[in-house]
Amino acid sequence: MQAAKYGIREFSQMKVLVINAGSSSLKYQLLDTESGEVMAKGLCERIGIDGVLTHTGNKSDEKFKFDIAMPTHKEAIQSVINILLDPEKGVISSMSEIDAVGHRVVHGGEFFSDSVIITEKVLKAIEDCVPLAPLHNPPNLTGIQACREVMGPDVPMVAVFDTAFHQTMPKEAYMYALPYEYYEDYGIRRYGFHGTSHKYVAQRCAELMGKHMSDLRIITCHLGNGSSVSAIKGGRSIDTTMGFTPLSGLIMGTRTGDIDPAIVPFLMNKTGMNYEEVDTVMNKKSGVLGISGVSNDFRVIEEAAANGNKRAQLALNMFHYKVRRVIGAFAAVMGGVDAIVFTAGIGENGIGNRDAICNGLEYLGTRIDSERNNIRGKEQEISAEGSKVKIFVIPTNEEIMIARDTQRITSALKK
């Protein structure tokens, strides 16, 4: 019934529009799920101010930039559809060629352990999660509503949640040692983030090893300005470093990661800062930026460290130490590890960072090959021949993961 309602094509190839809506921006990609080809991509910026659309498509790397009035996300979506249909710069001749839309949604709480077809009930659940992600879920909802208004009810839309992959964590891993009623009343627990990225690189790792995920213990390291590590056993996330919010876990570009919570009232008392000011310090002025005093950009910090800046070197040492410590802990939780994956900006491009993190993990059976490791942004095994634990660099691709999840969910409507 639903398949007929949505008019889903009876073949595996689909064109999926992937939408990532922010408060004043909207990223998009049109993907062919069979080939993985990015047919077109772009960014709408300054929504609600004036409006700028940057677009790449039509089998060309040329970027086109337009000033387009975008009072709301609805006009932004309409601009995206218009440019995709443009005879010269577009890639489709009719909106009916878009088989489905996949929306990135940051927080699904405990409601969703998988991607889902968007219904009124799903929208209500996403809205109920707004207190858990007040900066992200509202614009995600706005993007969904704008798409529905512009594209109509016949195009199936799927919500893909950053938190869903981690819903397989056992209770002993996700609970905090607070009074239990805080979990029951307010949903205070560890949720984890970057789930779409962790899921994609773990699946790709299994493919590269020629094994099924159910037979593997994989530690995935999503290292960027925001960083998290996940323990994936048998294809299921059983632990991850981020918690109730993306502030916890590893040291990051500007975020503290895990700290003693008593530091918060201590700082408020000593400095006279209110909670909001301390929160700003922890989220935007800490991490490697706060330690180094130089930058949150690891390339700048590495250059400063090479020139003798001791605080910059300390920031790097702390970051490497924290990641290495978590890898060891997650190996213990899983009873060993078969593969370690590095992804995201630092994971994919940080040659020295990968080497420093792996230096000291030899007891696990890891050996990094310095020549293989000398790559940036390329998919490759970087462990030495004979290494018991395989080490990979796998560029993340959250958009293709969203597109494939959208295809999987909508295809299931046919059954």
Protein backbone atom coordinates (compact mmCIF):
# COMPACT_ATOMS: atom_id res chain seq x y z
CA MET A 1 0.00 0.00 0.00
CA GLN A 2 2.69 2.47 1.01
CA ALA A 3 4.85 1.53 -1.98
CA ALA A 4 1.97 2.36 -4.29
CA LYS A 5 1.35 5.56 -2.39
CA TYR A 6 4.93 6.70 -2.92
CA GLY A 7 5.30 5.29 -6.43
CA ILE A 8 8.68 3.72 -5.65
CA ARG A 9 10.47 2.27 -8.63
CA GLU A 10 10.92 -1.48 -8.82
CA PHE A 11 14.70 -1.51 -9.18
CA SER A 12 17.71 -1.09 -6.95
CA GLN A 13 19.05 2.11 -8.49
CA MET A 14 17.67 5.22 -6.88
CA LYS A 15 18.37 8.92 -7.00
CA VAL A 16 18.29 10.16 -3.44
CA LEU A 17 18.46 13.80 -2.37
CA VAL A 18 20.35 14.08 0.93
CA ILE A 19 19.54 17.14 3.06
CA ASN A 20 21.45 18.46 6.09
CA ALA A 21 19.63 21.53 7.37
CA GLY A 22 21.18 23.98 9.82
CA SER A 23 19.71 27.10 11.38
CA SER A 24 20.79 29.39 8.52
CA SER A 25 22.27 26.92 6.05
CA LEU A 26 21.32 23.81 4.09
CA LYS A 27 23.73 21.31 2.54
CA TYR A 28 22.52 18.99 -0.21
CA GLN A 29 23.72 16.14 -2.40
CA LEU A 30 21.92 14.21 -5.12
CA LEU A 31 23.33 10.68 -5.21
CA ASP A 32 22.95 7.61 -7.37
CA THR A 33 22.78 4.84 -4.78
CA GLU A 34 23.90 2.08 -7.15
CA SER A 35 27.14 3.70 -8.31
CA GLY A 36 27.63 6.01 -5.34
CA GLU A 37 28.07 8.88 -7.78
CA VAL A 38 27.47 12.37 -6.46
CA MET A 39 25.42 13.81 -9.30
CA ALA A 40 25.25 17.28 -7.76
CA LYS A 41 25.97 18.97 -4.47
CA GLY A 42 25.82 22.38 -2.94
CA LEU A 43 25.17 24.69 -0.05
CA CYS A 44 22.52 27.28 0.72
CA GLU A 45 23.82 29.92 3.13
CA ARG A 46 22.52 33.00 4.91
CA ILE A 47 18.95 31.69 4.97
CA GLY A 48 16.74 34.30 6.59
CA ILE A 49 19.28 37.05 5.86
CA ASP A 50 19.70 37.35 2.10
CA GLY A 51 20.61 33.99 0.57
CA VAL A 52 23.57 32.50 -1.32
CA LEU A 53 23.53 29.21 -3.27
CA THR A 54 26.77 27.46 -4.21
CA HIS A 55 26.25 24.54 -6.60
CA THR A 56 28.37 21.91 -8.34
CA GLY A 57 26.84 19.52 -10.86
CA ASN A 58 26.28 18.50 -14.45
CA LYS A 59 29.41 16.25 -14.42
CA SER A 60 31.61 19.26 -13.82
CA ASP A 61 33.71 20.39 -10.89
CA GLU A 62 32.88 23.98 -11.72
CA LYS A 63 31.19 25.84 -8.88
CA PHE A 64 28.30 28.16 -9.58
CA LYS A 65 27.37 30.83 -7.06
CA PHE A 66 24.08 32.72 -7.00
CA ASP A 67 22.53 35.38 -4.81
CA ILE A 68 18.96 34.15 -4.24
CA ALA A 69 16.45 35.50 -1.75
CA MET A 70 15.87 32.82 0.91
CA PRO A 71 13.63 34.22 3.65
CA THR A 72 13.00 30.67 4.91
CA HIS A 73 14.17 27.09 4.34
CA LYS A 74 11.23 26.63 1.96
CA GLU A 75 12.79 29.06 -0.53
CA ALA A 76 16.15 27.36 -0.01
CA ILE A 77 14.70 23.94 -0.92
CA GLN A 78 12.90 25.44 -3.91
CA SER A 79 16.22 26.95 -5.05
CA VAL A 80 17.87 23.52 -4.76
CA ILE A 81 15.14 21.90 -6.87
CA ASN A 82 15.35 24.71 -9.43
CA ILE A 83 19.12 24.37 -9.88
CA LEU A 84 18.87 20.57 -10.13
CA LEU A 85 16.33 21.06 -12.94
CA ASP A 86 18.27 23.83 -14.68
CA PRO A 87 18.88 22.88 -18.37
CA GLU A 88 22.53 23.98 -18.21
CA LYS A 89 23.66 23.51 -14.61
CA GLY A 90 21.23 20.82 -13.47
CA VAL A 91 21.33 17.02 -13.63
CA ILE A 92 17.68 15.97 -13.85
CA SER A 93 14.84 16.88 -16.20
CA SER A 94 11.95 16.33 -13.80
CA MET A 95 11.48 16.37 -10.03
CA SER A 96 9.94 12.90 -10.41
CA GLU A 97 13.48 11.59 -10.99
CA ILE A 98 14.18 12.16 -7.28
CA ASP A 99 13.04 8.85 -5.79
CA ALA A 100 13.39 9.80 -2.13
CA VAL A 101 14.88 12.32 0.29
CA GLY A 102 17.17 11.42 3.18
CA HIS A 103 17.35 13.91 6.05
CA ARG A 104 20.18 14.03 8.55
CA VAL A 105 18.69 14.41 12.05
CA VAL A 106 21.09 14.84 14.94
CA HIS A 107 19.12 13.40 17.86
CA GLY A 108 16.59 10.58 17.93
CA GLY A 109 16.79 9.92 21.67
CA GLU A 110 15.63 6.44 22.64
CA PHE A 111 12.83 6.59 20.06
CA PHE A 112 14.91 5.40 17.12
CA SER A 113 17.50 2.65 16.75
CA ASP A 114 17.35 2.83 12.95
CA SER A 115 16.45 5.20 10.14
CA VAL A 116 12.70 5.59 9.56
CA ILE A 117 10.14 6.82 7.04
CA ILE A 118 9.06 10.27 8.18
CA THR A 119 5.47 10.37 9.40
CA GLU A 120 3.59 12.74 11.69
CA LYS A 121 4.41 10.43 14.59
CA VAL A 122 8.12 10.54 13.71
CA LEU A 123 8.06 14.33 13.47
CA LYS A 124 6.50 14.49 16.94
CA ALA A 125 9.24 12.24 18.33
CA ILE A 126 11.97 14.40 16.74
CA GLU A 127 10.30 17.44 18.30
CA ASP A 128 10.24 15.68 21.67
CA CYS A 129 14.04 15.31 21.37
CA VAL A 130 14.58 19.07 20.95
CA PRO A 131 15.58 19.52 24.64
CA LEU A 132 18.38 17.00 24.00
CA ALA A 133 19.67 18.86 20.90
CA PRO A 134 18.27 22.41 21.05
CA LEU A 135 20.70 23.77 18.44
CA HIS A 136 20.28 20.99 15.89
CA ASN A 137 16.88 19.28 15.94
CA PRO A 138 14.83 22.46 15.33
CA PRO A 139 16.57 23.28 12.00
CA ASN A 140 16.49 19.59 11.07
CA LEU A 141 12.70 19.70 11.53
CA THR A 142 12.48 22.95 9.58
CA GLY A 143 14.33 21.34 6.66
CA ILE A 144 11.97 18.36 6.66
CA GLN A 145 8.87 20.55 6.69
CA ALA A 146 10.26 22.75 3.90
CA CYS A 147 10.96 19.68 1.75
CA ARG A 148 7.46 18.36 2.29
CA GLU A 149 5.94 21.69 1.31
CA VAL A 150 8.01 22.04 -1.85
CA MET A 151 8.15 18.41 -3.02
CA GLY A 152 4.69 17.29 -1.93
CA PRO A 153 3.40 14.16 -0.17
CA ASP A 154 4.31 11.65 -2.89
CA VAL A 155 8.09 11.74 -2.38
CA PRO A 156 9.10 9.39 0.48
CA MET A 157 11.35 10.99 3.08
CA VAL A 158 13.58 9.21 5.58
CA ALA A 159 15.13 10.48 8.81
CA VAL A 160 18.67 9.21 9.48
CA PHE A 161 19.78 9.86 13.06
CA ASP A 162 23.31 10.53 14.33
CA THR A 163 22.39 8.76 17.57
CA ALA A 164 20.58 5.69 16.19
CA PHE A 165 23.63 3.48 15.61
CA HIS A 166 24.58 3.73 19.29
CA GLN A 167 21.17 2.58 20.56
CA THR A 168 22.59 -0.96 20.69
CA MET A 169 24.84 0.00 23.64
CA PRO A 170 24.06 -2.09 26.74
CA LYS A 171 22.54 -0.32 29.71
CA GLU A 172 25.70 -0.62 31.80
CA ALA A 173 27.52 1.34 29.08
CA TYR A 174 25.02 4.15 28.57
CA MET A 175 23.75 4.86 32.09
CA TYR A 176 25.20 7.56 34.35
CA ALA A 177 25.55 6.93 38.08
CA LEU A 178 22.94 9.57 38.93
CA PRO A 179 19.63 8.96 40.70
CA TYR A 180 17.73 6.60 38.40
CA GLU A 181 14.69 8.88 38.22
CA TYR A 182 16.75 11.46 36.26
CA TYR A 183 17.02 8.91 33.47
CA GLU A 184 13.31 8.07 33.68
CA ASP A 185 12.13 11.69 33.95
CA TYR A 186 14.60 13.57 31.76
CA GLY A 187 16.28 10.97 29.55
CA ILE A 188 19.72 11.67 31.04
CA ARG A 189 22.00 8.94 29.67
CA ARG A 190 24.79 8.52 27.14
CA TYR A 191 23.55 8.68 23.54
CA GLY A 192 26.70 9.01 21.43
CA PHE A 193 27.05 10.87 18.14
CA HIS A 194 28.74 10.56 14.72
CA GLY A 195 26.79 7.29 14.42
CA THR A 196 26.33 7.50 10.64
CA SER A 197 30.09 7.94 10.17
CA HIS A 198 31.03 5.12 12.57
CA LYS A 199 28.55 2.80 10.84
CA TYR A 200 29.81 3.61 7.35
CA VAL A 201 33.53 3.14 8.05
CA ALA A 202 32.93 -0.05 10.05
CA GLN A 203 30.96 -1.56 7.17
CA ARG A 204 33.64 -0.48 4.70
CA CYS A 205 36.35 -1.94 6.95
CA ALA A 206 34.60 -5.32 6.93
CA GLU A 207 34.38 -5.18 3.13
CA LEU A 208 38.10 -4.42 2.84
CA MET A 209 38.90 -7.34 5.15
CA GLY A 210 36.62 -9.65 3.17
CA LYS A 211 34.68 -10.53 6.31
CA HIS A 212 31.21 -10.02 7.72
CA MET A 213 30.78 -7.39 10.43
CA SER A 214 29.22 -10.00 12.70
CA ASP A 215 32.64 -11.70 12.91
CA LEU A 216 34.67 -8.59 13.74
CA ARG A 217 35.63 -6.35 16.64
CA ILE A 218 36.33 -2.89 15.22
CA ILE A 219 37.39 0.35 16.90
CA THR A 220 36.47 3.35 14.77
CA CYS A 221 38.19 6.68 15.42
CA HIS A 222 36.27 9.67 14.01
CA LEU A 223 38.85 12.38 14.65
CA GLY A 224 38.15 15.96 13.60
CA ASN A 225 37.30 19.25 15.27
CA GLY A 226 34.68 17.08 16.98
CA SER A 227 36.02 13.62 17.80
CA SER A 228 34.65 10.32 19.03
CA VAL A 229 35.73 6.69 19.17
CA SER A 230 33.37 3.71 19.04
CA ALA A 231 33.64 0.04 19.95
CA ILE A 232 31.77 -2.05 17.37
CA LYS A 233 31.39 -5.75 18.12
CA GLY A 234 29.51 -8.01 15.74
CA GLY A 235 28.28 -5.00 13.78
CA ARG A 236 26.75 -3.35 16.86
CA SER A 237 27.98 -0.28 18.72
CA ILE A 238 28.60 -1.38 22.29
CA ASP A 239 30.33 1.75 23.54
CA THR A 240 31.35 5.22 22.36
CA THR A 241 33.09 8.22 23.88
CA MET A 242 30.48 10.97 23.44
CA GLY A 243 27.66 10.96 25.94
CA PHE A 244 24.56 12.98 26.77
CA THR A 245 25.98 15.72 24.54
CA PRO A 246 28.87 15.94 22.05
CA LEU A 247 30.91 17.75 24.71
CA SER A 248 32.06 14.61 26.50
CA GLY A 249 34.72 12.08 25.62
CA LEU A 250 37.97 12.96 23.88
CA ILE A 251 39.76 16.30 23.89
CA MET A 252 38.56 18.08 20.74
CA GLY A 253 39.26 21.24 18.77
CA THR A 254 37.50 23.59 21.19
CA ARG A 255 35.70 21.18 23.55
CA THR A 256 37.01 19.90 26.87
CA GLY A 257 36.01 16.29 26.53
CA ASP A 258 35.66 14.49 29.86
CA ILE A 259 36.42 16.63 32.91
CA ASP A 260 35.55 16.43 36.60
CA PRO A 261 32.02 17.95 36.76
CA ALA A 262 32.93 19.67 40.05
CA ILE A 263 35.13 22.01 37.98
CA VAL A 264 31.97 23.78 36.78
CA PRO A 265 30.75 25.12 40.16
CA PHE A 266 34.38 25.72 41.18
CA LEU A 267 34.93 28.00 38.16
CA MET A 268 31.62 29.77 38.72
CA ASN A 269 32.62 30.50 42.31
CA LYS A 270 36.18 31.59 41.49
CA THR A 271 35.53 33.66 38.35
CA GLY A 272 31.97 34.91 38.84
CA MET A 273 30.95 33.36 35.51
CA ASN A 274 27.38 32.11 35.21
CA TYR A 275 26.50 28.68 33.83
CA GLU A 276 26.09 29.92 30.24
CA GLU A 277 29.53 31.53 30.32
CA VAL A 278 31.17 28.37 31.68
CA ASP A 279 29.33 26.34 29.04
CA THR A 280 30.77 28.62 26.34
CA VAL A 281 34.27 28.12 27.75
CA MET A 282 33.87 24.34 27.76
CA ASN A 283 32.42 24.15 24.25
CA LYS A 284 34.22 26.93 22.38
CA LYS A 285 37.40 27.95 24.21
CA SER A 286 38.83 24.67 25.48
CA GLY A 287 40.23 21.51 23.89
CA VAL A 288 43.49 21.80 21.95
CA LEU A 289 42.73 25.50 21.42
CA GLY A 290 42.62 26.12 25.16
CA ILE A 291 45.75 24.08 25.90
CA SER A 292 47.88 25.32 22.99
CA GLY A 293 46.69 28.93 23.00
CA VAL A 294 47.40 28.78 19.27
CA SER A 295 44.48 27.32 17.32
CA ASN A 296 41.93 24.54 17.09
CA ASP A 297 43.43 23.61 13.71
CA PHE A 298 45.78 20.67 14.19
CA ARG A 299 47.92 21.73 11.22
CA VAL A 300 48.64 25.07 12.89
CA ILE A 301 49.30 23.37 16.23
CA GLU A 302 51.70 20.86 14.63
CA GLU A 303 53.61 23.69 12.98
CA ALA A 304 53.83 25.57 16.28
CA ALA A 305 55.02 22.42 18.07
CA ALA A 306 57.68 21.85 15.41
CA ASN A 307 58.89 25.40 16.08
CA GLY A 308 59.32 24.66 19.78
CA ASN A 309 55.96 25.76 21.24
CA LYS A 310 55.69 23.55 24.33
CA ARG A 311 51.99 24.20 24.91
CA ALA A 312 51.24 23.20 21.32
CA GLN A 313 53.21 19.99 21.83
CA LEU A 314 51.36 19.35 25.09
CA ALA A 315 48.00 19.73 23.30
CA LEU A 316 49.06 17.12 20.74
CA ASN A 317 50.40 14.78 23.42
CA MET A 318 47.18 15.02 25.41
CA PHE A 319 45.04 14.32 22.34
CA HIS A 320 47.11 11.29 21.31
CA TYR A 321 47.17 9.96 24.87
CA LYS A 322 43.39 10.20 25.28
CA VAL A 323 42.69 8.43 21.97
CA ARG A 324 45.24 5.71 22.75
CA ARG A 325 43.76 5.21 26.23
CA VAL A 326 40.25 4.80 24.82
CA ILE A 327 41.43 2.29 22.20
CA GLY A 328 42.95 0.20 24.97
CA ALA A 329 39.79 0.43 27.07
CA PHE A 330 37.52 -0.52 24.16
CA ALA A 331 39.75 -3.47 23.27
CA ALA A 332 39.29 -4.65 26.86
CA VAL A 333 35.51 -4.21 26.67
CA MET A 334 35.30 -6.24 23.45
CA GLY A 335 37.77 -8.93 24.56
CA GLY A 336 40.23 -7.88 21.86
CA VAL A 337 40.22 -6.00 18.59
CA ASP A 338 40.54 -7.07 14.95
CA ALA A 339 40.77 -3.67 13.27
CA ILE A 340 41.27 0.01 14.05
CA VAL A 341 39.90 2.61 11.63
CA PHE A 342 40.87 6.27 11.34
CA THR A 343 38.43 8.66 9.68
CA ALA A 344 37.30 12.33 9.48
CA GLY A 345 39.61 15.35 9.05
CA ILE A 346 42.43 14.41 11.43
CA GLY A 347 41.94 10.67 11.08
CA GLU A 348 42.12 10.82 7.29
CA ASN A 349 44.87 13.42 6.93
CA GLY A 350 46.92 13.40 10.14
CA ILE A 351 49.90 11.22 9.27
CA GLY A 352 51.81 12.14 12.42
CA ASN A 353 48.69 11.93 14.59
CA ARG A 354 47.93 8.37 13.47
CA ASP A 355 51.53 7.33 14.08
CA ALA A 356 51.61 8.89 17.55
CA ILE A 357 48.30 7.29 18.55
CA CYS A 358 49.37 3.82 17.42
CA ASN A 359 52.79 4.16 19.08
CA GLY A 360 52.28 2.22 22.30
CA LEU A 361 49.50 -0.07 21.11
CA GLU A 362 51.89 -2.81 19.99
CA TYR A 363 50.79 -5.00 22.93
CA LEU A 364 47.43 -5.36 21.16
CA GLY A 365 49.14 -6.78 18.09
CA THR A 366 49.22 -3.57 16.06
CA ARG A 367 52.11 -2.50 13.87
CA ILE A 368 51.83 0.57 11.68
CA ASP A 369 53.76 0.74 8.41
CA SER A 370 55.35 4.20 8.08
CA GLU A 371 55.36 4.06 4.27
CA ARG A 372 51.72 2.97 4.01
CA ASN A 373 50.79 5.56 6.61
CA ASN A 374 52.22 8.36 4.44
CA ILE A 375 48.83 9.19 2.87
CA ARG A 376 46.14 11.83 3.20
CA GLY A 377 42.44 11.38 2.49
CA LYS A 378 42.90 8.01 0.80
CA GLU A 379 41.38 4.64 1.65
CA GLN A 380 44.17 2.26 2.55
CA GLU A 381 45.40 -0.31 5.03
CA ILE A 382 48.30 1.24 6.93
CA SER A 383 49.25 -1.68 9.18
CA ALA A 384 52.47 -3.57 8.53
CA GLU A 385 52.55 -7.01 6.94
CA GLY A 386 51.83 -9.64 9.56
CA SER A 387 50.14 -7.19 11.94
CA LYS A 388 47.63 -9.12 14.02
CA VAL A 389 45.35 -6.08 14.23
CA LYS A 390 44.62 -4.36 10.92
CA ILE A 391 44.77 -0.56 10.79
CA PHE A 392 42.91 1.36 8.09
CA VAL A 393 42.39 4.90 6.89
CA ILE A 394 38.85 5.11 5.50
CA PRO A 395 37.46 8.50 4.43
CA THR A 396 34.00 8.86 5.89
CA ASN A 397 30.98 9.34 3.64
CA GLU A 398 27.93 10.15 5.71
CA GLU A 399 25.96 11.28 2.65
CA ILE A 400 26.18 7.94 0.84
CA MET A 401 25.31 6.20 4.13
CA ILE A 402 22.20 8.41 4.44
CA ALA A 403 21.33 7.75 0.79
CA ARG A 404 21.71 3.97 1.15
CA ASP A 405 19.72 3.93 4.38
CA THR A 406 17.03 5.90 2.57
CA GLN A 407 17.04 3.38 -0.25
CA ARG A 408 16.90 0.44 2.19
CA ILE A 409 14.01 1.90 4.18
CA THR A 410 11.94 2.97 1.17
CA SER A 411 12.61 -0.30 -0.69
CA ALA A 412 11.21 -2.18 2.30
CA LEU A 413 7.86 -0.51 1.60
CA LYS A 414 7.56 -2.69 -1.49
CA LYS A 415 7.66 -5.91 0.51
